[in-house]
């Protein structure tokens, strides 16, 4: 693969491990882009994701989110893509850089075929949900696990060396190179990962716009985005009544059963539980024995 260039755009990647960041100082130091951790697995969200996204965006950096992939089954890969997408919806800002799949290890000792299947499922699902061509982040060695078909996605490769990353089946060029994990820059206490884009800042801006082009028609893409948002809202409101009963609703549910107001909580969504809680707070859920 190619080596670094003198006029290439410089950036960083961060997570909650970097603590509170002074993004104005980061921008003034000459950095033009940042990737930030959004989520991991099927439920984890980086606690600093929202504040990092809004702070970096306000300071003028090009921002992009990444998801750390834990999946060891195709079903989990789809769930993780959905979780990643739902997390992005909470950020409150528009991302410049495409979403990133961080797939860098194999704790489940999967076969090469399974690794590629899981990667392809996650990437296809997040592309369907966001309408953007995602980026693959991985180490130079682990990149060798991916087959040539995955080479259609931009590569963000980690190799902490002065020597250029070596070619792998899917790629002979990189789009982003994480060349150090021990950088030091103004605005961040401690070490931070340093990255380089394979072009100038203007070329990076064009890259952001290019990867924003949907792979389907705008109308179909808009429908898919709306459907995903509705599904996420329905899960949050427990419209199906299949989610676990929240702790805050337990006293009202118990009182509701004792009073005969309800017979079961298995089919109750959040709106019904809120109404039941209001009746409980007003003292209107007396048990049948108390009434007699």
Protein backbone atom coordinates (compact mmCIF):
# COMPACT_ATOMS: atom_id res chain seq x y z
CA UNK A 1 0.00 0.00 0.00
CA UNK A 2 1.02 3.64 -0.33
CA UNK A 3 2.98 5.62 2.24
CA UNK A 4 1.98 8.84 3.99
CA UNK A 5 1.94 12.18 2.14
CA UNK A 6 3.12 15.64 3.14
CA UNK A 7 -0.13 17.40 2.28
CA UNK A 8 -2.53 14.73 3.56
CA UNK A 9 -5.36 15.59 5.96
CA UNK A 10 -4.60 14.71 9.57
CA UNK A 11 -7.03 13.47 12.20
CA UNK A 12 -7.59 11.45 15.36
CA UNK A 13 -9.99 8.89 16.78
CA UNK A 14 -11.38 9.00 20.32
CA UNK A 15 -13.65 7.32 22.84
CA UNK A 16 -14.51 7.90 26.50
CA UNK A 17 -10.95 6.88 27.35
CA UNK A 18 -9.76 10.34 26.25
CA UNK A 19 -11.99 12.00 28.86
CA UNK A 20 -13.10 15.60 28.41
CA UNK A 21 -11.69 17.09 25.21
CA UNK A 22 -11.11 20.74 24.29
CA UNK A 23 -12.16 20.47 20.65
CA UNK A 24 -11.23 24.05 19.76
CA UNK A 25 -7.62 23.28 20.72
CA UNK A 26 -7.74 20.04 18.71
CA UNK A 27 -8.93 21.93 15.63
CA UNK A 28 -6.34 24.69 16.13
CA UNK A 29 -3.59 22.06 16.27
CA UNK A 30 -4.19 21.30 12.59
CA UNK A 31 -6.46 18.28 12.83
CA UNK A 32 -9.27 18.26 10.29
CA UNK A 33 -11.21 15.09 11.08
CA UNK A 34 -12.10 12.76 13.94
CA UNK A 35 -13.66 9.33 14.27
CA UNK A 36 -15.42 8.71 17.58
CA UNK A 37 -16.71 5.56 19.19
CA UNK A 38 -20.49 5.38 19.17
CA UNK A 39 -21.38 1.86 20.21
CA UNK A 40 -20.31 -1.73 20.79
CA UNK A 41 -22.13 -5.04 20.69
CA UNK A 42 -25.92 -5.03 20.84
CA UNK A 43 -26.43 -2.55 23.68
CA UNK A 44 -23.31 -0.64 24.74
CA UNK A 45 -23.03 3.09 23.96
CA UNK A 46 -19.88 5.12 24.54
CA UNK A 47 -20.75 7.54 27.38
CA UNK A 48 -18.92 10.43 25.67
CA UNK A 49 -20.35 9.84 22.21
CA UNK A 50 -22.89 12.67 22.15
CA UNK A 51 -20.64 15.29 23.75
CA UNK A 52 -17.73 14.33 21.48
CA UNK A 53 -19.92 14.50 18.37
CA UNK A 54 -21.42 17.90 19.19
CA UNK A 55 -18.14 19.39 20.46
CA UNK A 56 -16.04 18.29 17.49
CA UNK A 57 -18.71 19.37 15.00
CA UNK A 58 -19.00 22.81 16.60
CA UNK A 59 -15.22 23.25 16.49
CA UNK A 60 -15.17 22.67 12.72
CA UNK A 61 -13.82 19.13 12.42
CA UNK A 62 -15.24 16.58 10.00
CA UNK A 63 -16.76 13.89 12.22
CA UNK A 64 -17.50 10.19 11.79
CA UNK A 65 -18.80 7.42 14.10
CA UNK A 66 -17.53 3.90 14.60
CA UNK A 67 -18.98 0.71 16.07
CA UNK A 68 -16.86 -1.98 17.73
CA UNK A 69 -18.13 -5.31 16.41
CA UNK A 70 -18.53 -8.20 18.86
CA UNK A 71 -20.85 -10.40 16.77
CA UNK A 72 -20.08 -14.09 16.31
CA UNK A 73 -23.34 -14.98 14.50
CA UNK A 74 -25.14 -13.47 11.49
CA UNK A 75 -28.15 -12.61 13.65
CA UNK A 76 -25.97 -10.73 16.13
CA UNK A 77 -24.34 -8.84 13.25
CA UNK A 78 -27.75 -7.53 12.15
CA UNK A 79 -28.66 -6.60 15.72
CA UNK A 80 -25.39 -4.72 16.15
CA UNK A 81 -25.94 -2.77 12.94
CA UNK A 82 -29.42 -1.81 14.17
CA UNK A 83 -28.00 -0.77 17.55
CA UNK A 84 -25.31 1.30 15.84
CA UNK A 85 -27.91 3.04 13.70
CA UNK A 86 -30.22 3.75 16.64
CA UNK A 87 -27.26 5.21 18.53
CA UNK A 88 -26.46 7.53 15.61
CA UNK A 89 -30.03 8.85 15.70
CA UNK A 90 -29.46 10.10 19.26
CA UNK A 91 -26.36 12.16 18.42
CA UNK A 92 -28.23 15.31 17.44
CA UNK A 93 -25.69 16.18 14.72
CA UNK A 94 -25.10 15.26 11.09
CA UNK A 95 -22.01 13.14 10.48
CA UNK A 96 -19.63 14.09 7.68
CA UNK A 97 -17.67 10.84 7.44
CA UNK A 98 -19.38 7.50 6.75
CA UNK A 99 -20.13 5.03 9.56
CA UNK A 100 -17.30 2.64 10.42
CA UNK A 101 -17.29 -1.05 11.26
CA UNK A 102 -14.43 -1.69 13.71
CA UNK A 103 -13.65 -5.40 13.26
CA UNK A 104 -10.15 -6.11 14.50
CA UNK A 105 -10.07 -9.39 16.44
CA UNK A 106 -11.53 -12.90 16.59
CA UNK A 107 -12.21 -13.84 20.23
CA UNK A 108 -14.86 -16.34 19.11
CA UNK A 109 -12.24 -18.19 17.01
CA UNK A 110 -14.46 -18.07 13.96
CA UNK A 111 -13.46 -19.48 10.62
CA UNK A 112 -12.37 -17.09 7.88
CA UNK A 113 -15.64 -17.80 6.09
CA UNK A 114 -17.68 -16.86 9.18
CA UNK A 115 -15.65 -13.67 9.70
CA UNK A 116 -16.45 -12.56 6.18
CA UNK A 117 -20.13 -13.52 6.46
CA UNK A 118 -20.57 -11.51 9.65
CA UNK A 119 -18.71 -8.51 8.22
CA UNK A 120 -20.80 -8.51 5.03
CA UNK A 121 -24.09 -8.77 6.92
CA UNK A 122 -23.20 -5.90 9.25
CA UNK A 123 -21.93 -3.69 6.42
CA UNK A 124 -24.94 -4.36 4.19
CA UNK A 125 -27.38 -3.64 7.02
CA UNK A 126 -25.76 -0.38 8.13
CA UNK A 127 -25.53 0.74 4.49
CA UNK A 128 -29.25 -0.03 4.06
CA UNK A 129 -30.15 1.90 7.19
CA UNK A 130 -27.97 4.97 6.61
CA UNK A 131 -27.77 5.12 2.82
CA UNK A 132 -23.99 5.53 3.09
CA UNK A 133 -21.12 3.28 2.06
CA UNK A 134 -19.44 2.30 5.34
CA UNK A 135 -15.73 2.11 6.11
CA UNK A 136 -13.91 -0.94 7.45
CA UNK A 137 -11.44 -0.36 10.32
CA UNK A 138 -9.03 -3.15 11.16
CA UNK A 139 -5.40 -3.95 11.81
CA UNK A 140 -3.07 -4.64 8.90
CA UNK A 141 -2.71 -8.29 9.94
CA UNK A 142 -6.43 -8.92 10.56
CA UNK A 143 -7.26 -7.27 7.23
CA UNK A 144 -5.83 -10.43 5.67
CA UNK A 145 -8.87 -12.31 6.99
CA UNK A 146 -11.18 -10.38 4.67
CA UNK A 147 -11.78 -11.62 1.15
CA UNK A 148 -11.48 -9.57 -2.05
CA UNK A 149 -15.22 -8.84 -2.15
CA UNK A 150 -14.90 -6.60 0.91
CA UNK A 151 -12.36 -4.50 -0.96
CA UNK A 152 -15.27 -2.45 -2.35
CA UNK A 153 -15.44 -0.71 1.04
CA UNK A 154 -12.92 2.01 1.98
CA UNK A 155 -10.19 0.74 4.32
CA UNK A 156 -9.08 2.42 7.55
CA UNK A 157 -6.04 0.39 8.54
CA UNK A 158 -4.05 0.35 11.78
CA UNK A 159 -0.29 -0.09 11.47
CA UNK A 160 1.98 1.63 13.98
CA UNK A 161 5.11 1.92 11.90
CA UNK A 162 7.04 4.23 9.61
CA UNK A 163 6.66 1.56 6.96
CA UNK A 164 3.57 1.60 4.77
CA UNK A 165 0.89 -1.03 5.42
CA UNK A 166 1.34 -4.13 3.30
CA UNK A 167 -1.14 -5.33 0.69
CA UNK A 168 -3.87 -7.81 1.60
CA UNK A 169 -6.37 -9.66 -0.62
CA UNK A 170 -9.03 -6.94 -0.37
CA UNK A 171 -6.87 -3.83 -0.66
CA UNK A 172 -3.66 -2.47 -2.10
CA UNK A 173 -4.43 1.10 -0.97
CA UNK A 174 -5.79 2.63 2.23
CA UNK A 175 -8.24 5.50 2.62
CA UNK A 176 -7.24 6.17 6.24
CA UNK A 177 -4.12 5.04 8.09
CA UNK A 178 -3.98 4.92 11.89
CA UNK A 179 -0.23 5.23 12.16
CA UNK A 180 0.18 5.79 15.91
CA UNK A 181 -1.60 4.92 19.16
CA UNK A 182 0.57 7.19 21.30
CA UNK A 183 0.02 10.65 19.85
CA UNK A 184 -0.03 13.82 21.93
CA UNK A 185 -1.97 16.90 20.83
CA UNK A 186 -3.36 20.06 22.48
CA UNK A 187 -6.82 19.65 23.96
CA UNK A 188 -6.42 16.00 24.98
CA UNK A 189 -4.78 14.68 28.13
CA UNK A 190 -2.77 11.54 27.55
CA UNK A 191 -2.24 9.52 24.40
CA UNK A 192 -4.54 9.54 21.40
CA UNK A 193 -4.59 7.63 18.10
CA UNK A 194 -3.28 9.57 15.10
CA UNK A 195 -4.68 9.11 11.61
CA UNK A 196 -4.07 10.30 8.07
CA UNK A 197 -6.41 10.48 5.10
CA UNK A 198 -5.03 9.55 1.69
CA UNK A 199 -5.46 13.05 0.28
CA UNK A 200 -5.84 16.73 1.07
CA UNK A 201 -8.56 18.28 3.22
CA UNK A 202 -10.48 19.25 0.08
CA UNK A 203 -10.21 15.70 -1.20
CA UNK A 204 -11.45 14.46 2.17
CA UNK A 205 -14.48 16.73 1.86
CA UNK A 206 -15.17 15.28 -1.58
CA UNK A 207 -14.75 11.78 -0.14
CA UNK A 208 -17.43 12.57 2.46
CA UNK A 209 -19.84 13.71 -0.25
CA UNK A 210 -19.05 10.73 -2.50
CA UNK A 211 -19.73 8.18 0.22
CA UNK A 212 -23.05 9.89 0.94
CA UNK A 213 -24.54 8.85 -2.38
CA UNK A 214 -27.24 6.25 -1.68
CA UNK A 215 -27.04 2.90 -3.38
CA UNK A 216 -30.80 2.95 -4.03
CA UNK A 217 -33.23 5.62 -5.15
CA UNK A 218 -33.83 8.55 -2.81
CA UNK A 219 -37.48 7.59 -2.42
CA UNK A 220 -36.71 4.00 -1.43
CA UNK A 221 -33.93 5.14 0.85
CA UNK A 222 -36.20 7.65 2.61
CA UNK A 223 -38.81 4.95 3.20
CA UNK A 224 -36.18 2.63 4.67
CA UNK A 225 -34.93 5.34 7.00
CA UNK A 226 -38.47 6.13 8.15
CA UNK A 227 -39.26 2.46 8.72
CA UNK A 228 -36.12 2.05 10.81
CA UNK A 229 -36.97 5.13 12.90
CA UNK A 230 -40.53 3.90 13.48
CA UNK A 231 -39.24 0.46 14.49
CA UNK A 232 -36.78 2.01 16.93
CA UNK A 233 -39.52 4.20 18.43
CA UNK A 234 -41.87 1.23 18.77
CA UNK A 235 -39.21 -0.71 20.65
CA UNK A 236 -38.53 2.23 22.93
CA UNK A 237 -42.25 2.61 23.72
CA UNK A 238 -42.65 -1.17 23.96
CA UNK A 239 -45.63 -1.03 21.59
CA UNK A 240 -45.60 -4.82 21.29
CA UNK A 241 -45.63 -5.32 25.06
CA UNK A 242 -42.85 -7.89 24.77
CA UNK A 243 -40.03 -5.98 26.50
CA UNK A 244 -39.16 -6.63 30.19
CA UNK A 245 -41.24 -4.70 32.73
CA UNK A 246 -39.33 -1.57 33.83
CA UNK A 247 -38.51 -1.33 37.55
CA UNK A 248 -40.28 2.01 37.97
CA UNK A 249 -43.61 0.47 36.95
CA UNK A 250 -43.55 -2.55 39.27
CA UNK A 251 -45.44 -1.01 42.28
CA UNK A 252 -48.20 0.34 40.04
CA UNK A 253 -48.52 -2.99 38.19
CA UNK A 254 -48.81 -4.90 41.49
CA UNK A 255 -51.46 -2.46 42.74
CA UNK A 256 -53.27 -2.64 39.40
CA UNK A 257 -53.49 -6.43 39.61
CA UNK A 258 -54.67 -6.34 43.23
CA UNK A 259 -57.38 -3.80 42.40
CA UNK A 260 -58.54 -5.72 39.36
CA UNK A 261 -57.72 -2.86 37.01
CA UNK A 262 -55.46 -5.19 35.00
CA UNK A 263 -55.01 -8.95 34.90
CA UNK A 264 -51.55 -9.07 33.35
CA UNK A 265 -48.57 -6.82 32.54
CA UNK A 266 -47.33 -8.98 29.67
CA UNK A 267 -49.06 -6.91 26.99
CA UNK A 268 -48.53 -3.44 28.44
CA UNK A 269 -46.50 -0.85 26.57
CA UNK A 270 -44.93 2.29 28.05
CA UNK A 271 -48.00 4.54 27.45
CA UNK A 272 -50.24 2.11 29.38
CA UNK A 273 -47.72 1.77 32.18
CA UNK A 274 -47.50 5.56 32.50
CA UNK A 275 -51.29 5.80 32.78
CA UNK A 276 -51.28 3.05 35.41
CA UNK A 277 -48.56 4.88 37.32
CA UNK A 278 -50.66 8.06 37.34
CA UNK A 279 -53.63 6.15 38.82
CA UNK A 280 -51.31 4.64 41.41
CA UNK A 281 -49.91 8.05 42.35
CA UNK A 282 -53.47 9.38 42.82
CA UNK A 283 -54.34 6.49 45.14
CA UNK A 284 -56.97 5.10 42.78
CA UNK A 285 -55.65 1.55 42.70
CA UNK A 286 -56.94 0.13 45.97
CA UNK A 287 -57.01 -3.63 46.35
CA UNK A 288 -60.34 -5.46 46.42
CA UNK A 289 -59.79 -6.44 50.08
CA UNK A 290 -59.18 -2.80 51.04
CA UNK A 291 -62.43 -1.71 49.34
CA UNK A 292 -64.48 -4.27 51.23
